Amino acid sequence: MVHYANMGHSSIRQNLPVVNVGTLDRPIYHAAEVMA
């Protein structure tokens, strides 16, 4: 999840707790993880 924030996909969500990012943007995180 850390590398997702490091990707800079969303500078706003980067400031949110990792738990919230995983919950709110799970589909986006999954897509970003696959692309990475």
PDB file of N, CA and C in Angstrom:
ATOM      1  N   MET A   1       0.834  -1.200   0.000  1.00  0.00           N
ATOM      2  CA  MET A   1       0.000   0.000   0.000  1.00  0.00           C
ATOM      3  C   MET A   1       0.875   1.261   0.000  1.00  0.00           C
ATOM      4  N   VAL A   2       2.053   1.106   0.589  1.00  0.00           N
ATOM      5  CA  VAL A   2       2.947   2.264   0.652  1.00  0.00           C
ATOM      6  C   VAL A   2       3.361   2.692  -0.741  1.00  0.00           C
ATOM      7  N   HIS A   3       3.675   1.717  -1.602  1.00  0.00           N
ATOM      8  CA  HIS A   3       4.128   2.065  -2.945  1.00  0.00           C
ATOM      9  C   HIS A   3       2.999   2.730  -3.738  1.00  0.00           C
ATOM     10  N   TYR A   4       1.749   2.447  -3.370  1.00  0.00           N
ATOM     11  CA  TYR A   4       0.618   3.086  -4.041  1.00  0.00           C
ATOM     12  C   TYR A   4       0.658   4.594  -3.793  1.00  0.00           C
ATOM     13  N   ALA A   5       0.936   4.972  -2.538  1.00  0.00           N
ATOM     14  CA  ALA A   5       1.041   6.392  -2.196  1.00  0.00           C
ATOM     15  C   ALA A   5       2.259   7.002  -2.900  1.00  0.00           C
ATOM     16  N   ASN A   6       3.328   6.224  -2.966  1.00  0.00           N
ATOM     17  CA  ASN A   6       4.550   6.714  -3.596  1.00  0.00           C
ATOM     18  C   ASN A   6       4.368   6.938  -5.093  1.00  0.00           C
ATOM     19  N   MET A   7       3.437   6.229  -5.696  1.00  0.00           N
ATOM     20  CA  MET A   7       3.182   6.387  -7.121  1.00  0.00           C
ATOM     21  C   MET A   7       2.659   7.787  -7.424  1.00  0.00           C
ATOM     22  N   GLY A   8       2.043   8.433  -6.442  1.00  0.00           N
ATOM     23  CA  GLY A   8       1.539   9.784  -6.653  1.00  0.00           C
ATOM     24  C   GLY A   8       0.264   9.775  -7.470  1.00  0.00           C
ATOM     25  N   HIS A   9      -0.463   8.639  -7.486  1.00  0.00           N
ATOM     26  CA  HIS A   9      -1.713   8.545  -8.240  1.00  0.00           C
ATOM     27  C   HIS A   9      -2.702   9.592  -7.755  1.00  0.00           C
ATOM     28  N   SER A  10      -2.680   9.880  -6.462  1.00  0.00           N
ATOM     29  CA  SER A  10      -3.557  10.909  -5.914  1.00  0.00           C
ATOM     30  C   SER A  10      -2.871  11.547  -4.717  1.00  0.00           C
ATOM     31  N   SER A  11      -2.406  12.773  -4.885  1.00  0.00           N
ATOM     32  CA  SER A  11      -1.689  13.451  -3.808  1.00  0.00           C
ATOM     33  C   SER A  11      -2.602  13.706  -2.619  1.00  0.00           C
ATOM     34  N   ILE A  12      -3.926  13.783  -2.866  1.00  0.00           N
ATOM     35  CA  ILE A  12      -4.879  14.016  -1.784  1.00  0.00           C
ATOM     36  C   ILE A  12      -5.025  12.759  -0.934  1.00  0.00           C
ATOM     37  N   ARG A  13      -5.285  11.631  -1.580  1.00  0.00           N
ATOM     38  CA  ARG A  13      -5.468  10.378  -0.845  1.00  0.00           C
ATOM     39  C   ARG A  13      -4.158   9.947  -0.188  1.00  0.00           C
ATOM     40  N   GLN A  14      -3.061  10.429  -0.717  1.00  0.00           N
ATOM     41  CA  GLN A  14      -1.753  10.088  -0.153  1.00  0.00           C
ATOM     42  C   GLN A  14      -1.665  10.567   1.290  1.00  0.00           C
ATOM     43  N   ASN A  15      -2.415  11.620   1.621  1.00  0.00           N
ATOM     44  CA  ASN A  15      -2.391  12.173   2.969  1.00  0.00           C
ATOM     45  C   ASN A  15      -3.318  11.406   3.917  1.00  0.00           C
ATOM     46  N   LEU A  16      -4.177  10.559   3.371  1.00  0.00           N
ATOM     47  CA  LEU A  16      -5.105   9.796   4.203  1.00  0.00           C
ATOM     48  C   LEU A  16      -4.414   8.556   4.765  1.00  0.00           C
ATOM     49  N   PRO A  17      -4.924   8.040   5.886  1.00  0.00           N
ATOM     50  CA  PRO A  17      -4.374   6.802   6.445  1.00  0.00           C
ATOM     51  C   PRO A  17      -4.439   5.668   5.422  1.00  0.00           C
ATOM     52  N   VAL A  18      -3.495   4.763   5.494  1.00  0.00           N
ATOM     53  CA  VAL A  18      -3.430   3.655   4.544  1.00  0.00           C
ATOM     54  C   VAL A  18      -4.710   2.830   4.594  1.00  0.00           C
ATOM     55  N   VAL A  19      -5.278   2.694   5.783  1.00  0.00           N
ATOM     56  CA  VAL A  19      -6.492   1.897   5.944  1.00  0.00           C
ATOM     57  C   VAL A  19      -7.627   2.512   5.133  1.00  0.00           C
ATOM     58  N   ASN A  20      -7.762   3.835   5.193  1.00  0.00           N
ATOM     59  CA  ASN A  20      -8.831   4.501   4.461  1.00  0.00           C
ATOM     60  C   ASN A  20      -8.624   4.388   2.953  1.00  0.00           C
ATOM     61  N   VAL A  21      -7.380   4.500   2.526  1.00  0.00           N
ATOM     62  CA  VAL A  21      -7.079   4.386   1.100  1.00  0.00           C
ATOM     63  C   VAL A  21      -7.478   2.999   0.596  1.00  0.00           C
ATOM     64  N   GLY A  22      -7.142   1.969   1.386  1.00  0.00           N
ATOM     65  CA  GLY A  22      -7.452   0.602   0.985  1.00  0.00           C
ATOM     66  C   GLY A  22      -8.946   0.349   0.956  1.00  0.00           C
ATOM     67  N   THR A  23      -9.695   1.044   1.823  1.00  0.00           N
ATOM     68  CA  THR A  23     -11.132   0.824   1.907  1.00  0.00           C
ATOM     69  C   THR A  23     -11.885   1.624   0.855  1.00  0.00           C
ATOM     70  N   LEU A  24     -11.527   2.891   0.703  1.00  0.00           N
ATOM     71  CA  LEU A  24     -12.261   3.776  -0.206  1.00  0.00           C
ATOM     72  C   LEU A  24     -11.885   3.525  -1.661  1.00  0.00           C
ATOM     73  N   ASP A  25     -10.614   3.241  -1.908  1.00  0.00           N
ATOM     74  CA  ASP A  25     -10.138   3.138  -3.288  1.00  0.00           C
ATOM     75  C   ASP A  25      -9.614   1.744  -3.609  1.00  0.00           C
ATOM     76  N   ARG A  26     -10.257   0.733  -3.044  1.00  0.00           N
ATOM     77  CA  ARG A  26      -9.766  -0.623  -3.283  1.00  0.00           C
ATOM     78  C   ARG A  26      -9.685  -0.947  -4.782  1.00  0.00           C
ATOM     79  N   PRO A  27     -10.715  -0.639  -5.589  1.00  0.00           N
ATOM     80  CA  PRO A  27     -10.634  -0.925  -7.028  1.00  0.00           C
ATOM     81  C   PRO A  27      -9.482  -0.163  -7.690  1.00  0.00           C
ATOM     82  N   ILE A  28      -9.302   1.085  -7.307  1.00  0.00           N
ATOM     83  CA  ILE A  28      -8.229   1.896  -7.894  1.00  0.00           C
ATOM     84  C   ILE A  28      -6.879   1.364  -7.449  1.00  0.00           C
ATOM     85  N   TYR A  29      -6.777   1.018  -6.166  1.00  0.00           N
ATOM     86  CA  TYR A  29      -5.524   0.484  -5.638  1.00  0.00           C
ATOM     87  C   TYR A  29      -5.188  -0.820  -6.354  1.00  0.00           C
ATOM     88  N   HIS A  30      -6.183  -1.656  -6.551  1.00  0.00           N
ATOM     89  CA  HIS A  30      -5.955  -2.936  -7.212  1.00  0.00           C
ATOM     90  C   HIS A  30      -5.454  -2.712  -8.636  1.00  0.00           C
ATOM     91  N   ALA A  31      -6.073  -1.775  -9.340  1.00  0.00           N
ATOM     92  CA  ALA A  31      -5.652  -1.471 -10.705  1.00  0.00           C
ATOM     93  C   ALA A  31      -4.229  -0.924 -10.716  1.00  0.00           C
ATOM     94  N   ALA A  32      -3.932  -0.034  -9.764  1.00  0.00           N
ATOM     95  CA  ALA A  32      -2.587   0.546  -9.689  1.00  0.00           C
ATOM     96  C   ALA A  32      -1.563  -0.532  -9.360  1.00  0.00           C
ATOM     97  N   GLU A  33      -1.954  -1.468  -8.494  1.00  0.00           N
ATOM     98  CA  GLU A  33      -1.045  -2.542  -8.112  1.00  0.00           C
ATOM     99  C   GLU A  33      -0.737  -3.433  -9.316  1.00  0.00           C
ATOM    100  N   VAL A  34      -1.760  -3.703 -10.126  1.00  0.00           N
ATOM    101  CA  VAL A  34      -1.565  -4.531 -11.318  1.00  0.00           C
ATOM    102  C   VAL A  34      -0.674  -3.809 -12.324  1.00  0.00           C
ATOM    103  N   MET A  35      -0.891  -2.503 -12.486  1.00  0.00           N
ATOM    104  CA  MET A  35      -0.083  -1.721 -13.422  1.00  0.00           C
ATOM    105  C   MET A  35       1.371  -1.648 -12.961  1.00  0.00           C
ATOM    106  N   ALA A  36       1.556  -1.603 -11.645  1.00  0.00           N
ATOM    107  CA  ALA A  36       2.909  -1.533 -11.091  1.00  0.00           C
ATOM    108  C   ALA A  36       3.519  -2.924 -11.120  1.00  0.00           C
TER     109      ALA A  36
END
